[in-house]
Protein backbone atom coordinates (compact mmCIF):
# COMPACT_ATOMS: atom_id res chain seq x y z
CA MET A 1 -126.72 18.01 12.06
CA LYS A 2 -124.66 20.76 13.64
CA LYS A 3 -123.09 18.26 15.98
CA THR A 4 -122.01 16.10 13.04
CA ILE A 5 -120.38 19.06 11.28
CA ILE A 6 -118.57 20.12 14.42
CA ILE A 7 -117.19 16.61 15.05
CA THR A 8 -116.07 16.31 11.47
CA ALA A 9 -114.37 19.70 11.66
CA LEU A 10 -112.55 18.71 14.78
CA ALA A 11 -111.50 15.32 13.40
CA LEU A 12 -109.96 16.60 10.15
CA PRO A 13 -106.91 18.22 11.74
CA LEU A 14 -106.18 15.03 13.66
CA VAL A 15 -106.36 12.97 10.48
CA PHE A 16 -103.94 15.29 8.65
CA SER A 17 -101.65 15.34 11.69
CA ALA A 18 -101.56 11.53 11.81
CA ARG A 19 -100.72 11.32 8.07
CA ALA A 20 -97.80 13.74 8.53
CA GLN A 21 -96.10 11.26 10.96
CA TRP A 22 -96.15 8.24 8.56
CA ILE A 23 -92.69 6.91 7.24
CA VAL A 24 -92.43 6.96 3.48
CA TYR A 25 -90.65 3.74 2.10
CA ASP A 26 -88.93 3.86 -1.30
CA PRO A 27 -87.79 0.36 -2.38
CA THR A 28 -85.59 1.68 -5.23
CA MET A 29 -83.69 4.03 -2.93
CA ASN A 30 -83.20 1.31 -0.34
CA VAL A 31 -81.81 -1.18 -2.87
CA GLN A 32 -79.37 1.45 -4.17
CA GLN A 33 -78.13 2.13 -0.66
CA ILE A 34 -77.60 -1.60 -0.09
CA MET A 35 -75.68 -1.88 -3.36
CA ASP A 36 -73.52 1.12 -2.51
CA GLU A 37 -72.74 -0.31 0.89
CA ALA A 38 -71.87 -3.67 -0.66
CA GLN A 39 -69.56 -1.92 -3.15
CA SER A 40 -67.84 -0.07 -0.32
CA ILE A 41 -67.37 -3.30 1.60
CA ALA A 42 -65.95 -5.01 -1.51
CA GLU A 43 -63.48 -2.16 -2.09
CA TYR A 44 -62.43 -2.31 1.55
CA VAL A 45 -61.91 -6.07 1.32
CA GLN A 46 -59.81 -5.54 -1.84
CA MET A 47 -57.71 -2.91 -0.04
CA ILE A 48 -57.14 -5.28 2.87
CA ASP A 49 -56.18 -8.04 0.45
CA ASN A 50 -53.67 -5.72 -1.27
CA GLN A 51 -52.16 -4.81 2.07
CA VAL A 52 -51.87 -8.46 2.99
CA GLN A 53 -50.10 -9.15 -0.31
CA GLN A 54 -47.74 -6.23 0.29
CA ILE A 55 -46.95 -7.49 3.78
CA THR A 56 -46.36 -10.97 2.40
CA THR A 57 -44.05 -9.59 -0.31
CA LEU A 58 -42.10 -7.52 2.22
CA GLY A 59 -41.79 -10.58 4.39
CA GLN A 60 -40.43 -12.58 1.47
CA GLN A 61 -37.99 -9.79 0.58
CA LEU A 62 -36.82 -9.59 4.18
CA SER A 63 -36.36 -13.34 4.23
CA GLN A 64 -34.36 -13.15 1.00
CA PHE A 65 -32.23 -10.33 2.39
CA GLU A 66 -31.56 -12.30 5.56
CA ASN A 67 -30.64 -15.31 3.43
CA TYR A 68 -28.39 -13.08 1.28
CA GLU A 69 -26.73 -11.63 4.37
CA SER A 70 -26.18 -15.10 5.80
CA LEU A 71 -24.47 -16.14 2.55
CA PHE A 72 -22.58 -12.99 1.62
CA GLY A 73 -22.24 -11.34 5.02
CA ASN A 74 -21.92 -7.71 6.02
CA PRO A 75 -18.51 -6.33 4.97
CA SER A 76 -18.59 -3.65 7.68
CA GLN A 77 -18.78 -6.33 10.36
CA VAL A 78 -15.82 -8.34 9.06
CA LEU A 79 -12.81 -7.36 11.20
CA LEU A 80 -9.40 -8.88 10.44
CA SER A 81 -6.62 -8.86 13.05
CA MET A 82 -3.72 -8.76 10.57
CA VAL A 83 -4.81 -5.54 8.85
CA ALA A 84 -3.34 -3.23 11.51
CA PRO A 85 0.21 -4.71 11.53
CA LEU A 86 0.16 -4.89 7.72
CA ASP A 87 -0.79 -1.23 7.48
CA ALA A 88 1.93 -0.31 9.99
CA ASP A 89 4.58 -2.23 8.05
CA LEU A 90 3.58 -0.65 4.75
CA GLN A 91 3.79 2.86 6.22
CA ASN A 92 7.18 2.37 7.89
CA LEU A 93 10.20 3.98 6.28
CA GLU A 94 12.50 1.63 4.42
CA PRO A 95 15.56 0.69 6.51
CA GLY A 96 18.06 1.23 3.69
CA ARG A 97 19.71 4.48 2.62
CA ASN A 98 20.07 5.63 -0.96
CA LEU A 99 23.41 5.61 -2.76
CA GLU A 100 23.72 9.39 -2.82
CA ASN A 101 23.47 9.55 0.96
CA LEU A 102 25.92 6.69 1.42
CA VAL A 103 28.51 8.32 -0.83
CA ALA A 104 28.01 11.79 0.66
CA ASN A 105 28.87 10.42 4.12
CA ALA A 106 31.97 8.56 2.96
CA ASP A 107 34.82 9.51 5.34
CA GLY A 108 38.25 8.23 4.33
CA ASN A 109 39.27 7.72 7.95
CA VAL A 110 36.65 4.97 8.22
CA ALA A 111 38.39 2.94 5.52
CA LEU A 112 41.73 3.42 7.28
CA THR A 113 40.44 2.02 10.59
CA TYR A 114 37.75 -0.45 9.38
CA ASN A 115 38.38 -4.17 9.91
CA ASP A 116 34.80 -5.56 10.12
CA SER A 117 35.20 -6.99 13.62
CA GLY A 118 38.65 -8.34 12.91
CA ILE A 119 37.95 -9.98 9.55
CA TYR A 120 40.19 -7.56 7.67
CA ALA A 121 43.55 -6.08 8.54
CA THR A 122 43.48 -2.48 9.65
CA VAL A 123 45.36 -0.16 7.31
CA GLY A 124 45.87 2.55 9.90
CA THR A 125 45.91 6.32 9.58
CA SER A 126 49.73 6.43 9.42
CA PHE A 127 52.80 4.28 8.91
CA GLN A 128 56.51 4.45 9.64
CA THR A 129 59.37 4.35 7.22
CA PRO A 130 62.43 2.13 7.83
CA ARG A 131 64.21 5.13 9.25
CA GLY A 132 61.36 5.67 11.76
CA GLN A 133 59.64 8.61 10.06
CA THR A 134 55.85 8.71 10.62
CA ILE A 135 53.83 9.33 7.46
CA GLN A 136 50.14 10.30 7.68
CA ARG A 137 47.97 8.67 5.07
CA PRO A 138 45.79 11.09 2.98
CA ALA A 139 42.29 10.23 4.21
CA ASP A 140 40.52 11.86 1.26
CA GLN A 141 42.11 9.36 -1.11
CA TYR A 142 40.41 6.53 0.80
CA GLU A 143 36.87 7.89 0.48
CA PRO A 144 35.98 5.53 -2.43
CA PHE A 145 36.82 2.59 -0.17
CA THR A 146 34.61 4.01 2.58
CA ALA A 147 31.78 4.33 0.04
CA ILE A 148 32.02 0.60 -0.62
CA ILE A 149 32.09 -0.11 3.12
CA ASN A 150 28.98 2.03 3.60
CA THR A 151 27.04 0.37 0.79
CA ALA A 152 28.03 -3.12 2.00
CA SER A 153 26.99 -2.28 5.57
CA ASN A 154 23.75 -0.86 4.25
CA TYR A 155 23.08 -4.11 2.40
CA VAL A 156 23.66 -6.17 5.55
CA THR A 157 21.30 -3.93 7.55
CA VAL A 158 18.56 -4.14 4.92
CA ALA A 159 18.98 -7.91 4.52
CA ASP A 160 18.71 -8.52 8.28
CA ASN A 161 15.63 -6.29 8.53
CA ALA A 162 14.05 -7.98 5.52
CA ALA A 163 14.67 -11.46 6.96
CA GLN A 164 12.86 -10.56 10.18
CA ARG A 165 9.97 -8.93 8.34
CA ARG A 166 9.68 -11.83 5.91
CA ALA A 167 9.25 -14.25 8.81
CA THR A 168 6.48 -12.07 10.26
CA ILE A 169 4.73 -11.58 6.92
CA LYS A 170 4.86 -15.30 6.08
CA ASP A 171 3.27 -16.06 9.45
CA GLN A 172 0.51 -13.56 8.68
CA ILE A 173 0.01 -15.16 5.25
CA ALA A 174 -0.39 -18.55 6.93
CA GLN A 175 -2.98 -17.12 9.36
CA THR A 176 -4.87 -15.45 6.54
CA THR A 177 -4.90 -18.64 4.48
CA GLN A 178 -6.32 -20.56 7.44
CA GLN A 179 -9.00 -17.92 7.99
CA LEU A 180 -9.79 -18.08 4.28
CA GLN A 181 -10.43 -21.80 4.60
CA ASP A 182 -12.70 -21.22 7.61
CA ALA A 183 -14.59 -18.26 6.07
CA THR A 184 -18.37 -18.67 5.98
CA THR A 185 -19.49 -15.57 4.06
CA ASP A 186 -18.54 -14.07 0.74
CA ALA A 187 -17.74 -10.71 2.37
CA GLU A 188 -15.20 -12.37 4.63
CA VAL A 189 -13.69 -14.25 1.68
CA GLN A 190 -13.36 -11.05 -0.36
CA LYS A 191 -11.68 -9.16 2.49
CA LEU A 192 -9.30 -12.03 3.20
CA HIS A 193 -8.38 -12.18 -0.49
CA GLY A 194 -7.58 -8.45 -0.37
CA VAL A 195 -5.42 -8.87 2.73
CA LEU A 196 -3.67 -11.89 1.21
CA THR A 197 -2.84 -9.89 -1.92
CA SER A 198 -1.47 -7.03 0.20
CA LEU A 199 0.65 -9.41 2.28
CA ASN A 200 2.15 -10.97 -0.84
CA GLY A 201 2.89 -7.47 -2.14
CA ASP A 202 4.56 -6.55 1.15
CA LEU A 203 6.61 -9.75 1.01
CA ALA A 204 7.77 -8.90 -2.51
CA SER A 205 8.61 -5.40 -1.32
CA THR A 206 11.17 -6.79 1.15
CA ASP A 207 12.90 -8.56 -1.74
CA ASP A 208 12.97 -5.31 -3.69
CA GLU A 209 14.56 -3.51 -0.74
CA VAL A 210 17.32 -6.12 -0.51
CA ASN A 211 17.88 -6.00 -4.27
CA GLN A 212 18.07 -2.23 -4.17
CA ALA A 213 20.67 -2.33 -1.38
CA ALA A 214 22.71 -4.90 -3.33
CA ALA A 215 22.46 -2.81 -6.47
CA SER A 216 23.78 0.22 -4.58
CA ALA A 217 26.85 -1.72 -3.45
CA LEU A 218 27.35 -3.10 -6.95
CA VAL A 219 27.07 0.32 -8.59
CA GLN A 220 29.55 1.84 -6.15
CA ASP A 221 31.98 -1.00 -6.74
CA ILE A 222 31.68 -0.42 -10.49
CA GLN A 223 32.37 3.27 -9.97
CA ASN A 224 35.39 2.47 -7.84
CA ARG A 225 36.79 0.07 -10.43
CA ASN A 226 36.13 2.61 -13.14
CA ASP A 227 37.93 5.29 -11.14
CA GLN A 228 40.83 2.92 -10.53
CA GLN A 229 41.20 2.29 -14.26
CA LYS A 230 40.94 6.01 -14.88
CA GLN A 231 43.72 6.74 -12.40
CA ILE A 232 45.91 4.03 -13.93
CA GLN A 233 45.42 5.47 -17.42
CA ALA A 234 46.06 9.00 -16.21
CA LEU A 235 49.21 7.89 -14.38
CA THR A 236 50.40 5.97 -17.44
CA GLU A 237 49.93 9.01 -19.66
CA GLN A 238 51.77 11.17 -17.13
CA GLN A 239 54.63 8.70 -16.85
CA ASN A 240 54.91 8.43 -20.65
CA ALA A 241 55.00 12.21 -21.00
CA GLU A 242 57.59 12.49 -18.25
CA PHE A 243 59.69 9.77 -19.86
CA GLU A 244 59.57 11.49 -23.26
CA GLU A 245 60.49 14.79 -21.66
CA SER A 246 63.39 13.15 -19.77
CA MET A 247 64.68 11.53 -22.94
CA SER A 248 64.44 14.85 -24.77
CA ASN A 249 66.33 16.60 -22.01
CA TYR A 250 68.91 13.85 -21.93
CA ALA A 251 69.37 14.04 -25.71
CA ALA A 252 69.81 17.80 -25.51
CA LYS A 253 72.26 17.51 -22.66
CA PHE A 254 74.27 14.60 -23.91
CA GLN A 255 74.64 14.74 -27.70
CA LEU A 256 75.95 11.69 -29.52
CA LEU A 257 79.16 12.13 -31.52
CA ASP A 258 78.69 11.82 -35.28
CA ALA A 259 82.46 11.92 -36.10
CA PRO A 260 85.41 9.80 -35.05
CA THR A 261 87.17 10.92 -31.97
CA VAL A 262 90.56 12.46 -32.67
CA PHE A 263 93.24 12.05 -30.04
CA PRO A 264 96.32 14.34 -29.99
CA ALA A 265 99.54 12.86 -31.25
CA PRO A 266 102.09 11.89 -28.59
């Protein structure tokens, strides 16, 4: 009996110790964990799918941009050879001089010696009388003629310069038109249109310069003719006044007889 009690007492701790090492299984908890894991995997798959769609969309946008660039081009990469000479021509000073400057530099001696390379006869700064006396011409009275010479020479200079520039500009217009026909992108077309417009404006500017030079010569000629008429009128008035004064003096000096002349008897 004592042996049985002792064995039982010794065995009890072993039994309790063995029960403490058993794994407890909870089916409800395990199913919940599986469901949570499945939900996490589903959300991850959805995230991956969204990223794939974003990458696909970006790829499509990039393809569209590349297609757009191939059609319209990059304006910053379109370089035109005629822009530099066009810019230089537009910034150059006009070859002609204004009328005020031409008139201010009118020296009468130029008119006295000018013959335009032998086309006109030279007036000369002096002349001789039949008796051999040398008379100097008043140079200041020939300044209006020099003003016309200056404006006419200015017109010739401007016209020659314009003719040379027009030839260059027309050649650039032809090159631009050819490049416009060969253009493959909208950016190139737009830039070429801008250059073509500027070239046409520059071409018109040469015409304006020539017209301005011609107008200066015309205005000076009008002024000269006006001054000539003014001098004629002034001289006529002076001559009339002098004639009236001479007649008055003559009448005072030589009075007409208002009675018959009486001669002494012989």
